N, C-alpha and C. Protein backbone atom coordinates (compact mmCIF):
# COMPACT_ATOMS: atom_id res chain seq x y z
N MET A 1 45.67 69.76 59.08
CA MET A 1 46.41 69.71 58.03
C MET A 1 47.82 70.49 58.34
N LYS A 2 48.95 69.68 57.71
CA LYS A 2 50.33 70.52 58.03
C LYS A 2 50.62 70.53 56.44
N ALA A 3 51.42 71.87 56.31
CA ALA A 3 51.71 72.08 54.87
C ALA A 3 53.08 73.13 54.98
N ARG A 4 53.85 73.11 54.02
CA ARG A 4 55.09 74.04 53.70
C ARG A 4 54.75 74.58 52.57
N VAL A 5 54.98 75.90 52.75
CA VAL A 5 55.22 77.16 51.80
C VAL A 5 56.40 77.52 51.38
N ASP A 6 56.82 77.34 50.27
CA ASP A 6 58.35 77.98 49.91
C ASP A 6 58.18 79.02 48.77
N VAL A 7 59.04 80.26 49.33
CA VAL A 7 58.63 81.65 48.54
C VAL A 7 60.17 81.96 48.08
N TYR A 8 60.32 81.96 46.89
CA TYR A 8 61.37 82.21 46.31
C TYR A 8 61.56 83.59 45.07
N PRO A 9 62.55 84.39 45.04
CA PRO A 9 62.40 85.35 44.16
C PRO A 9 62.28 84.66 42.80
N ARG A 10 61.73 85.44 41.81
CA ARG A 10 61.41 84.74 40.30
C ARG A 10 62.69 85.03 39.76
N ARG A 11 62.72 83.83 38.62
CA ARG A 11 64.00 83.70 38.10
C ARG A 11 64.84 85.11 37.70
N GLU A 12 63.64 86.08 37.10
CA GLU A 12 64.15 87.20 36.33
C GLU A 12 64.51 88.32 37.12
N ILE A 13 64.49 88.19 38.40
CA ILE A 13 64.64 89.04 39.64
C ILE A 13 66.10 88.88 40.08
N LEU A 14 66.91 89.89 40.18
CA LEU A 14 68.29 89.66 40.86
C LEU A 14 67.89 89.34 42.42
N ASP A 15 68.87 88.27 42.70
CA ASP A 15 68.66 88.02 44.26
C ASP A 15 70.05 88.19 44.73
N PRO A 16 70.28 89.48 45.21
CA PRO A 16 71.51 89.72 45.83
C PRO A 16 71.87 88.90 47.35
N GLN A 17 71.00 88.37 48.05
CA GLN A 17 71.04 87.56 49.14
C GLN A 17 71.75 86.31 48.61
N GLY A 18 71.32 85.57 47.49
CA GLY A 18 71.63 84.47 47.06
C GLY A 18 72.99 84.50 46.30
N LYS A 19 73.23 85.62 45.88
CA LYS A 19 74.38 85.67 45.12
C LYS A 19 75.68 85.71 46.30
N ALA A 20 75.17 86.64 47.34
CA ALA A 20 76.18 86.60 48.53
C ALA A 20 76.75 85.46 49.11
N ILE A 21 75.42 84.72 49.30
CA ILE A 21 75.62 83.01 49.84
C ILE A 21 76.60 82.28 48.84
N ARG A 22 76.34 82.42 47.45
CA ARG A 22 76.98 81.55 46.44
C ARG A 22 78.40 81.96 46.89
N GLY A 23 78.99 83.27 46.84
CA GLY A 23 80.25 83.66 46.94
C GLY A 23 80.95 83.20 48.34
N ALA A 24 80.14 83.15 49.36
CA ALA A 24 80.56 82.55 50.49
C ALA A 24 80.72 81.34 50.51
N LEU A 25 79.87 80.59 49.81
CA LEU A 25 80.30 78.83 49.82
C LEU A 25 81.47 78.67 49.09
N GLU A 26 81.54 79.33 47.99
CA GLU A 26 82.88 79.27 47.12
C GLU A 26 83.98 79.78 48.08
N ARG A 27 83.98 80.72 48.77
CA ARG A 27 85.20 81.17 49.79
C ARG A 27 85.42 80.03 50.55
N CYS A 28 84.54 79.29 51.07
CA CYS A 28 84.42 78.18 52.00
C CYS A 28 85.12 76.79 51.51
N GLY A 29 85.58 77.02 50.00
CA GLY A 29 85.69 75.82 49.35
C GLY A 29 85.03 74.78 48.96
N PHE A 30 83.56 75.13 48.47
CA PHE A 30 82.66 74.53 47.85
C PHE A 30 82.71 74.98 46.30
N ALA A 31 83.65 74.43 45.67
CA ALA A 31 83.86 74.97 44.20
C ALA A 31 82.43 74.27 43.62
N GLY A 32 82.01 74.59 42.49
CA GLY A 32 81.11 74.28 41.59
C GLY A 32 79.41 74.68 41.75
N VAL A 33 79.37 75.36 42.77
CA VAL A 33 78.02 76.19 42.97
C VAL A 33 78.05 77.07 42.26
N HIS A 34 77.04 76.88 41.11
CA HIS A 34 76.90 78.00 40.06
C HIS A 34 75.67 79.08 40.46
N ASP A 35 74.58 78.48 41.31
CA ASP A 35 73.62 79.61 41.54
C ASP A 35 72.97 79.20 42.92
N VAL A 36 72.74 80.30 43.79
CA VAL A 36 71.82 80.00 44.83
C VAL A 36 70.89 81.04 44.65
N ARG A 37 69.36 80.46 45.17
CA ARG A 37 68.48 81.44 45.07
C ARG A 37 67.95 81.44 46.68
N ALA A 38 68.06 82.77 47.44
CA ALA A 38 67.67 82.57 48.95
C ALA A 38 66.12 82.87 48.90
N GLY A 39 65.30 82.37 49.75
CA GLY A 39 63.84 82.43 49.94
C GLY A 39 63.44 82.13 51.24
N LYS A 40 62.16 81.99 51.51
CA LYS A 40 61.38 81.81 52.52
C LYS A 40 60.81 80.83 52.84
N SER A 41 60.70 79.79 53.79
CA SER A 41 59.81 78.53 53.99
C SER A 41 58.96 78.88 55.14
N PHE A 42 57.79 78.41 55.00
CA PHE A 42 56.59 78.55 56.19
C PHE A 42 56.25 77.36 56.24
N GLU A 43 56.07 76.84 57.50
CA GLU A 43 55.46 75.67 57.85
C GLU A 43 54.28 75.92 58.62
N ILE A 44 53.05 75.65 57.90
CA ILE A 44 51.74 76.02 58.58
C ILE A 44 50.88 74.81 58.87
N VAL A 45 50.45 74.64 60.14
CA VAL A 45 49.57 73.77 60.65
C VAL A 45 47.95 74.52 60.82
N PHE A 46 47.15 73.60 60.04
CA PHE A 46 45.70 74.52 60.09
C PHE A 46 44.50 73.45 59.91
N ASP A 47 43.29 74.01 59.95
CA ASP A 47 42.44 72.98 59.95
C ASP A 47 41.69 73.09 58.42
N ALA A 48 41.36 72.11 57.82
CA ALA A 48 40.77 71.99 56.48
C ALA A 48 39.65 70.74 56.13
N LYS A 49 38.65 71.17 55.58
CA LYS A 49 37.83 69.89 55.38
C LYS A 49 38.35 68.89 54.43
N ASP A 50 39.07 69.01 53.56
CA ASP A 50 39.87 68.09 52.86
C ASP A 50 40.95 68.86 52.23
N ALA A 51 41.88 67.78 51.13
CA ALA A 51 42.93 68.47 50.59
C ALA A 51 42.74 69.65 49.75
N ALA A 52 41.49 69.39 49.10
CA ALA A 52 41.01 70.68 48.03
C ALA A 52 40.96 71.86 48.69
N ALA A 53 40.25 71.87 49.82
CA ALA A 53 40.16 73.06 50.52
C ALA A 53 41.25 73.71 51.33
N GLY A 54 42.21 72.72 51.70
CA GLY A 54 43.40 72.99 52.20
C GLY A 54 44.62 73.71 51.20
N GLU A 55 44.39 72.88 50.09
CA GLU A 55 45.23 73.69 49.01
C GLU A 55 44.69 74.99 48.66
N ALA A 56 43.41 75.23 48.74
CA ALA A 56 42.79 76.37 48.20
C ALA A 56 43.16 77.62 49.45
N ALA A 57 42.90 77.13 50.46
CA ALA A 57 43.26 78.03 51.61
C ALA A 57 44.83 78.43 51.70
N LEU A 58 45.68 77.50 51.29
CA LEU A 58 47.21 78.01 51.43
C LEU A 58 47.25 78.67 50.21
N LYS A 59 46.97 78.57 48.84
CA LYS A 59 46.93 79.34 47.87
C LYS A 59 46.46 81.07 48.23
N GLN A 60 45.40 81.02 48.91
CA GLN A 60 44.88 82.26 49.34
C GLN A 60 45.88 82.97 50.40
N MET A 61 46.48 82.07 51.19
CA MET A 61 47.39 82.73 52.24
C MET A 61 48.79 82.99 51.57
N SER A 62 49.19 82.53 50.35
CA SER A 62 50.32 82.63 49.92
C SER A 62 50.10 84.04 49.15
N GLU A 63 49.14 84.07 48.46
CA GLU A 63 48.68 85.28 47.47
C GLU A 63 48.46 86.62 48.13
N LYS A 64 47.87 86.36 49.46
CA LYS A 64 47.56 87.64 50.05
C LYS A 64 48.44 88.05 51.04
N LEU A 65 49.37 86.91 51.62
CA LEU A 65 50.43 87.72 52.62
C LEU A 65 51.73 87.07 52.56
N LEU A 66 51.96 85.82 52.18
CA LEU A 66 53.42 85.10 52.08
C LEU A 66 54.16 85.52 51.23
N ALA A 67 53.54 85.70 49.88
CA ALA A 67 54.41 86.01 48.84
C ALA A 67 54.09 87.35 48.16
N ASN A 68 55.11 87.88 47.86
CA ASN A 68 54.75 89.36 47.06
C ASN A 68 54.93 88.80 45.29
N LEU A 69 53.71 88.74 44.83
CA LEU A 69 53.53 88.03 43.61
C LEU A 69 54.27 88.85 42.17
N VAL A 70 54.63 90.02 42.71
CA VAL A 70 55.34 91.13 41.65
C VAL A 70 56.66 90.64 41.15
N VAL A 71 57.40 89.80 42.56
CA VAL A 71 58.70 89.29 42.42
C VAL A 71 58.91 88.19 42.84
N GLU A 72 58.07 87.49 43.31
CA GLU A 72 58.17 86.04 44.03
C GLU A 72 57.24 85.12 43.55
N ASP A 73 57.87 83.86 43.57
CA ASP A 73 56.85 82.77 43.23
C ASP A 73 56.77 81.81 44.37
N TYR A 74 55.93 80.97 44.52
CA TYR A 74 55.76 80.21 45.69
C TYR A 74 55.44 78.71 45.26
N ARG A 75 55.73 77.76 46.30
CA ARG A 75 55.30 76.19 45.87
C ARG A 75 54.79 75.73 47.35
N ILE A 76 53.48 74.91 46.91
CA ILE A 76 52.73 74.50 48.22
C ILE A 76 53.12 73.17 48.34
N ALA A 77 53.49 72.49 49.66
CA ALA A 77 53.71 71.10 49.64
C ALA A 77 52.75 70.78 50.81
N ILE A 78 51.82 69.78 50.57
CA ILE A 78 51.16 69.24 51.94
C ILE A 78 51.94 68.12 52.40
N LEU A 79 52.19 68.52 53.85
CA LEU A 79 53.12 67.24 54.65
C LEU A 79 52.28 66.43 55.37
N GLU A 80 51.15 66.64 55.85
CA GLU A 80 50.13 65.74 56.60
C GLU A 80 48.75 66.02 56.11
N ALA A 81 47.95 65.14 55.86
CA ALA A 81 46.53 65.31 55.68
C ALA A 81 45.80 65.42 56.91
């Protein structure tokens, strides 16, 4: 199975990296960018019996290691079954 886990700061948490990127985009002439959230993306290839087991494993990986649940949210996307 191949999946992607995207981790981003929660909306209520300040994101100084995203703010700096937004400012840089504006200075490069990209007007109209109102918000940037900087995050992490993990592409994971692993064995799973089925889609449900794979999703459960990804949830455990995300909550135990990939995301700091105090300040971050995550999204799971299955790329290949």
